[in-house]
Every structure is written in structure tokens, then in C-alpha cells.
PDB file of N, CA and C in Angstrom:
ATOM      1  N   MET A   1       0.896  -0.875   0.076  1.00  0.00           N
ATOM      2  CA  MET A   1      -0.074  -0.138  -0.112  1.00  0.00           C
ATOM      3  C   MET A   1       0.673   1.408   0.037  1.00  0.00           C
ATOM      4  N   SER A   2       0.881   2.181  -0.854  1.00  0.00           N
ATOM      5  CA  SER A   2       1.548   3.198  -1.374  1.00  0.00           C
ATOM      6  C   SER A   2       1.138   4.226  -0.079  1.00  0.00           C
ATOM      7  N   GLU A   3       2.217   5.269   0.083  1.00  0.00           N
ATOM      8  CA  GLU A   3       1.224   6.398   1.532  1.00  0.00           C
ATOM      9  C   GLU A   3       0.733   7.188   1.265  1.00  0.00           C
ATOM     10  N   SER A   4      -0.157   8.031  -0.014  1.00  0.00           N
ATOM     11  CA  SER A   4      -1.070   8.264  -0.689  1.00  0.00           C
ATOM     12  C   SER A   4      -2.424   7.281  -0.305  1.00  0.00           C
ATOM     13  N   GLU A   5      -1.633   6.291  -0.463  1.00  0.00           N
ATOM     14  CA  GLU A   5      -2.915   5.510   0.149  1.00  0.00           C
ATOM     15  C   GLU A   5      -3.799   5.088   1.783  1.00  0.00           C
ATOM     16  N   GLU A   6      -2.296   5.304   1.946  1.00  0.00           N
ATOM     17  CA  GLU A   6      -2.661   5.366   3.745  1.00  0.00           C
ATOM     18  C   GLU A   6      -3.265   6.607   3.679  1.00  0.00           C
ATOM     19  N   TYR A   7      -2.399   7.714   3.730  1.00  0.00           N
ATOM     20  CA  TYR A   7      -3.499   8.719   3.598  1.00  0.00           C
ATOM     21  C   TYR A   7      -4.986   9.036   3.550  1.00  0.00           C
ATOM     22  N   ARG A   8      -5.059   7.802   2.328  1.00  0.00           N
ATOM     23  CA  ARG A   8      -6.672   8.515   1.836  1.00  0.00           C
ATOM     24  C   ARG A   8      -7.533   8.319   2.866  1.00  0.00           C
ATOM     25  N   GLY A   9      -7.272   6.521   3.578  1.00  0.00           N
ATOM     26  CA  GLY A   9      -7.546   5.931   4.336  1.00  0.00           C
ATOM     27  C   GLY A   9      -8.095   6.277   5.405  1.00  0.00           C
ATOM     28  N   ARG A  10      -6.851   6.933   5.434  1.00  0.00           N
ATOM     29  CA  ARG A  10      -7.290   7.701   6.940  1.00  0.00           C
ATOM     30  C   ARG A  10      -8.412   8.968   7.571  1.00  0.00           C
ATOM     31  N   ILE A  11      -7.898   9.667   5.841  1.00  0.00           N
ATOM     32  CA  ILE A  11      -8.666  10.721   5.722  1.00  0.00           C
ATOM     33  C   ILE A  11      -9.746  10.301   6.036  1.00  0.00           C
ATOM     34  N   ARG A  12     -10.666   8.654   5.182  1.00  0.00           N
ATOM     35  CA  ARG A  12     -11.690   8.000   4.958  1.00  0.00           C
ATOM     36  C   ARG A  12     -12.157   8.427   6.763  1.00  0.00           C
ATOM     37  N   GLU A  13     -11.444   7.648   7.174  1.00  0.00           N
ATOM     38  CA  GLU A  13     -11.887   7.197   8.554  1.00  0.00           C
ATOM     39  C   GLU A  13     -11.870   8.430   9.238  1.00  0.00           C
ATOM     40  N   MET A  14     -10.637   9.168   9.602  1.00  0.00           N
ATOM     41  CA  MET A  14     -11.870   9.884  10.089  1.00  0.00           C
ATOM     42  C   MET A  14     -13.001  11.448   9.825  1.00  0.00           C
ATOM     43  N   ARG A  15     -12.968  11.084   8.651  1.00  0.00           N
ATOM     44  CA  ARG A  15     -14.268  11.878   8.493  1.00  0.00           C
ATOM     45  C   ARG A  15     -15.535  11.229   8.592  1.00  0.00           C
ATOM     46  N   ALA A  16     -15.275   9.675   8.572  1.00  0.00           N
ATOM     47  CA  ALA A  16     -16.646   9.359   8.879  1.00  0.00           C
ATOM     48  C   ALA A  16     -16.889   9.272  10.301  1.00  0.00           C
ATOM     49  N   LYS A  17     -15.691   9.007  11.076  1.00  0.00           N
ATOM     50  CA  LYS A  17     -15.929   8.934  12.694  1.00  0.00           C
ATOM     51  C   LYS A  17     -16.650  10.642  13.120  1.00  0.00           C
ATOM     52  N   ALA A  18     -16.508  11.521  11.977  1.00  0.00           N
ATOM     53  CA  ALA A  18     -16.449  12.702  12.064  1.00  0.00           C
ATOM     54  C   ALA A  18     -18.040  13.680  12.067  1.00  0.00           C
ATOM     55  N   GLN A  19     -18.115  12.132  11.340  1.00  0.00           N
ATOM     56  CA  GLN A  19     -20.339  11.987  10.558  1.00  0.00           C
ATOM     57  C   GLN A  19     -20.823  11.720  11.515  1.00  0.00           C
ATOM     58  N   ASP A  20     -20.115  10.293  12.158  1.00  0.00           N
ATOM     59  CA  ASP A  20     -20.931   9.888  13.238  1.00  0.00           C
ATOM     60  C   ASP A  20     -20.801  10.491  14.336  1.00  0.00           C
ATOM     61  N   LEU A  21     -20.287  11.378  14.852  1.00  0.00           N
ATOM     62  CA  LEU A  21     -20.443  12.444  16.037  1.00  0.00           C
ATOM     63  C   LEU A  21     -21.143  13.217  16.453  1.00  0.00           C
ATOM     64  N   LYS A  22     -21.110  13.726  14.365  1.00  0.00           N
ATOM     65  CA  LYS A  22     -22.308  14.846  14.010  1.00  0.00           C
ATOM     66  C   LYS A  22     -23.865  14.297  14.351  1.00  0.00           C
ATOM     67  N   ASP A  23     -23.831  12.651  14.528  1.00  0.00           N
ATOM     68  CA  ASP A  23     -25.203  11.681  14.584  1.00  0.00           C
ATOM     69  C   ASP A  23     -25.186  11.527  15.424  1.00  0.00           C
ATOM     70  N   ALA A  24     -25.075  11.593  16.420  1.00  0.00           N
ATOM     71  CA  ALA A  24     -24.736  10.943  17.705  1.00  0.00           C
ATOM     72  C   ALA A  24     -25.340  12.767  18.600  1.00  0.00           C
ATOM     73  N   ALA A  25     -25.466  13.725  18.025  1.00  0.00           N
ATOM     74  CA  ALA A  25     -24.490  14.640  17.993  1.00  0.00           C
ATOM     75  C   ALA A  25     -26.848  15.483  17.869  1.00  0.00           C
ATOM     76  N   GLU A  26     -26.695  14.884  16.938  1.00  0.00           N
ATOM     77  CA  GLU A  26     -28.474  15.172  16.917  1.00  0.00           C
ATOM     78  C   GLU A  26     -29.122  13.943  17.551  1.00  0.00           C
ATOM     79  N   ARG A  27     -28.957  13.511  17.631  1.00  0.00           N
ATOM     80  CA  ARG A  27     -29.501  12.422  18.338  1.00  0.00           C
ATOM     81  C   ARG A  27     -29.983  13.188  19.678  1.00  0.00           C
ATOM     82  N   THR A  28     -28.527  13.370  20.766  1.00  0.00           N
ATOM     83  CA  THR A  28     -28.818  13.939  22.254  1.00  0.00           C
ATOM     84  C   THR A  28     -29.214  14.950  22.786  1.00  0.00           C
ATOM     85  N   THR A  29     -30.016  14.299  23.286  1.00  0.00           N
ATOM     86  CA  THR A  29     -31.150  15.889  24.125  1.00  0.00           C
ATOM     87  C   THR A  29     -29.814  16.908  24.998  1.00  0.00           C
ATOM     88  N   ASP A  30     -28.898  16.775  25.529  1.00  0.00           N
ATOM     89  CA  ASP A  30     -28.286  16.985  26.108  1.00  0.00           C
ATOM     90  C   ASP A  30     -27.352  18.054  25.812  1.00  0.00           C
ATOM     91  N   PRO A  31     -28.206  19.284  25.632  1.00  0.00           N
ATOM     92  CA  PRO A  31     -27.389  20.808  25.174  1.00  0.00           C
ATOM     93  C   PRO A  31     -25.459  20.571  24.687  1.00  0.00           C
ATOM     94  N   LYS A  32     -25.053  20.483  26.480  1.00  0.00           N
ATOM     95  CA  LYS A  32     -23.455  19.943  26.879  1.00  0.00           C
ATOM     96  C   LYS A  32     -22.659  18.955  26.471  1.00  0.00           C
ATOM     97  N   GLU A  33     -23.384  18.109  26.110  1.00  0.00           N
ATOM     98  CA  GLU A  33     -22.999  16.511  25.593  1.00  0.00           C
ATOM     99  C   GLU A  33     -23.186  16.846  23.440  1.00  0.00           C
ATOM    100  N   ARG A  34     -24.555  17.724  23.456  1.00  0.00           N
ATOM    101  CA  ARG A  34     -24.866  17.768  21.730  1.00  0.00           C
ATOM    102  C   ARG A  34     -23.421  18.514  21.315  1.00  0.00           C
ATOM    103  N   ARG A  35     -22.805  20.016  22.016  1.00  0.00           N
ATOM    104  CA  ARG A  35     -22.032  21.124  22.188  1.00  0.00           C
ATOM    105  C   ARG A  35     -20.695  19.702  22.070  1.00  0.00           C
ATOM    106  N   ARG A  36     -20.381  19.197  22.935  1.00  0.00           N
ATOM    107  CA  ARG A  36     -18.890  18.604  22.498  1.00  0.00           C
ATOM    108  C   ARG A  36     -18.492  17.392  21.925  1.00  0.00           C
ATOM    109  N   LEU A  37     -19.861  16.717  21.182  1.00  0.00           N
ATOM    110  CA  LEU A  37     -20.070  16.129  20.008  1.00  0.00           C
ATOM    111  C   LEU A  37     -19.862  17.303  18.866  1.00  0.00           C
ATOM    112  N   LYS A  38     -20.253  17.924  18.782  1.00  0.00           N
ATOM    113  CA  LYS A  38     -19.948  18.809  17.649  1.00  0.00           C
ATOM    114  C   LYS A  38     -18.665  19.231  17.168  1.00  0.00           C
ATOM    115  N   ASP A  39     -18.372  20.258  19.140  1.00  0.00           N
ATOM    116  CA  ASP A  39     -16.222  20.366  18.718  1.00  0.00           C
ATOM    117  C   ASP A  39     -15.541  19.456  18.189  1.00  0.00           C
ATOM    118  N   LYS A  40     -16.051  18.303  19.052  1.00  0.00           N
ATOM    119  CA  LYS A  40     -14.908  16.923  18.434  1.00  0.00           C
ATOM    120  C   LYS A  40     -14.907  16.825  17.009  1.00  0.00           C
ATOM    121  N   ALA A  41     -16.407  16.475  16.832  1.00  0.00           N
ATOM    122  CA  ALA A  41     -16.584  17.052  15.098  1.00  0.00           C
ATOM    123  C   ALA A  41     -15.783  17.374  14.346  1.00  0.00           C
ATOM    124  N   ARG A  42     -15.695  18.385  14.537  1.00  0.00           N
ATOM    125  CA  ARG A  42     -15.362  19.861  14.140  1.00  0.00           C
ATOM    126  C   ARG A  42     -13.397  19.979  14.070  1.00  0.00           C
ATOM    127  N   ARG A  43     -13.455  18.977  14.872  1.00  0.00           N
ATOM    128  CA  ARG A  43     -11.459  19.840  15.778  1.00  0.00           C
ATOM    129  C   ARG A  43     -11.196  18.384  13.945  1.00  0.00           C
ATOM    130  N   ILE A  44     -11.963  17.243  14.474  1.00  0.00           N
ATOM    131  CA  ILE A  44     -10.824  15.838  13.468  1.00  0.00           C
ATOM    132  C   ILE A  44     -11.740  16.350  11.786  1.00  0.00           C
ATOM    133  N   GLU A  45     -12.801  17.024  11.843  1.00  0.00           N
ATOM    134  CA  GLU A  45     -12.358  17.256  10.392  1.00  0.00           C
ATOM    135  C   GLU A  45     -11.641  17.893   9.417  1.00  0.00           C
ATOM    136  N   ALA A  46     -11.101  19.375  11.095  1.00  0.00           N
ATOM    137  CA  ALA A  46     -10.401  20.046  10.682  1.00  0.00           C
ATOM    138  C   ALA A  46      -8.568  19.465  10.466  1.00  0.00           C
ATOM    139  N   GLU A  47      -8.603  17.886  11.393  1.00  0.00           N
ATOM    140  CA  GLU A  47      -7.558  17.758  11.137  1.00  0.00           C
ATOM    141  C   GLU A  47      -6.718  17.040   9.762  1.00  0.00           C
ATOM    142  N   SER A  48      -8.379  16.235   9.682  1.00  0.00           N
ATOM    143  CA  SER A  48      -8.356  15.608   8.412  1.00  0.00           C
ATOM    144  C   SER A  48      -8.153  16.649   6.979  1.00  0.00           C
ATOM    145  N   ASP A  49      -8.691  17.595   6.627  1.00  0.00           N
ATOM    146  CA  ASP A  49      -8.721  18.520   6.254  1.00  0.00           C
ATOM    147  C   ASP A  49      -6.793  19.159   6.047  1.00  0.00           C
ATOM    148  N   GLN A  50      -6.469  18.934   7.137  1.00  0.00           N
ATOM    149  CA  GLN A  50      -5.006  19.319   7.042  1.00  0.00           C
ATOM    150  C   GLN A  50      -4.474  18.048   6.776  1.00  0.00           C
ATOM    151  N   ILE A  51      -4.845  16.870   7.012  1.00  0.00           N
ATOM    152  CA  ILE A  51      -3.844  15.637   6.327  1.00  0.00           C
ATOM    153  C   ILE A  51      -4.154  15.998   4.800  1.00  0.00           C
ATOM    154  N   SER A  52      -4.812  16.242   4.351  1.00  0.00           N
ATOM    155  CA  SER A  52      -5.228  15.500   3.537  1.00  0.00           C
ATOM    156  C   SER A  52      -4.418  16.485   2.346  1.00  0.00           C
ATOM    157  N   GLY A  53      -4.770  17.720   3.044  1.00  0.00           N
ATOM    158  CA  GLY A  53      -3.939  19.242   1.743  1.00  0.00           C
ATOM    159  C   GLY A  53      -2.651  19.139   1.950  1.00  0.00           C
ATOM    160  N   MET A  54      -1.800  18.663   3.240  1.00  0.00           N
ATOM    161  CA  MET A  54      -0.966  17.925   3.084  1.00  0.00           C
ATOM    162  C   MET A  54      -0.033  16.789   2.008  1.00  0.00           C
ATOM    163  N   ALA A  55      -0.740  16.192   2.034  1.00  0.00           N
ATOM    164  CA  ALA A  55      -0.451  14.900   1.657  1.00  0.00           C
ATOM    165  C   ALA A  55      -0.486  14.651  -0.480  1.00  0.00           C
ATOM    166  N   SER A  56      -1.861  15.756  -0.826  1.00  0.00           N
ATOM    167  CA  SER A  56      -1.677  17.021  -2.024  1.00  0.00           C
ATOM    168  C   SER A  56      -0.430  17.270  -1.825  1.00  0.00           C
ATOM    169  N   GLY A  57       0.735  18.005  -1.288  1.00  0.00           N
ATOM    170  CA  GLY A  57       1.757  18.428  -1.362  1.00  0.00           C
ATOM    171  C   GLY A  57       1.467  19.978  -1.067  1.00  0.00           C
ATOM    172  N   ASP A  58       0.017  20.714  -0.477  1.00  0.00           N
ATOM    173  CA  ASP A  58       0.043  21.314  -0.038  1.00  0.00           C
ATOM    174  C   ASP A  58       1.154  21.883   1.024  1.00  0.00           C
ATOM    175  N   ILE A  59       1.884  23.090   1.289  1.00  0.00           N
ATOM    176  CA  ILE A  59       2.322  23.220   1.794  1.00  0.00           C
ATOM    177  C   ILE A  59       2.349  24.213   3.698  1.00  0.00           C
ATOM    178  N   TYR A  60       1.202  24.980   2.806  1.00  0.00           N
ATOM    179  CA  TYR A  60       0.506  25.317   3.890  1.00  0.00           C
ATOM    180  C   TYR A  60      -0.901  24.635   4.288  1.00  0.00           C
ATOM    181  N   PRO A  61      -0.365  23.503   5.112  1.00  0.00           N
ATOM    182  CA  PRO A  61      -1.913  23.633   5.748  1.00  0.00           C
ATOM    183  C   PRO A  61      -2.702  24.230   5.832  1.00  0.00           C
ATOM    184  N   MET A  62      -4.184  23.911   5.932  1.00  0.00           N
ATOM    185  CA  MET A  62      -5.802  24.463   6.769  1.00  0.00           C
ATOM    186  C   MET A  62      -4.880  24.982   7.986  1.00  0.00           C
ATOM    187  N   GLU A  63      -5.750  26.083   8.703  1.00  0.00           N
ATOM    188  CA  GLU A  63      -5.885  26.601  10.401  1.00  0.00           C
ATOM    189  C   GLU A  63      -6.902  26.240  11.157  1.00  0.00           C
TER     190      GLU A  63
END
């Protein structure tokens, strides 16, 4: 497996996890838990975007 395939797989897993967290946030009735889950999903999405940029050769990762 090439390095780029590994990155793509990791990014795909991270985005799936972020979507799972968003779905869980929508199902919960506790406002604090909803916010925590949404915040965690945003952090994972931001990290996956950064990894995606680095994997594509972008020297300026997103913040």
C-alpha cells in the first residue's frame, strides 16, 4: 500500500468518525453533550483537511 493510499484511508476514516459524532450530537438531548460532540467532530474534520492538504503537496496546511 502506498503512502498516499494510507493517507486517503486515514482521511476517509476520520471523516466517517466526524459524521458519526455529528449524528450522535443530533440524537442527544443534553445540550452540553451535543456541543461537545459537535466540537469534537469539527476538530476531526479540521485535522482531516490538514492531512489531506499535506498529502496533496500543499505546503500551507489549513488552520
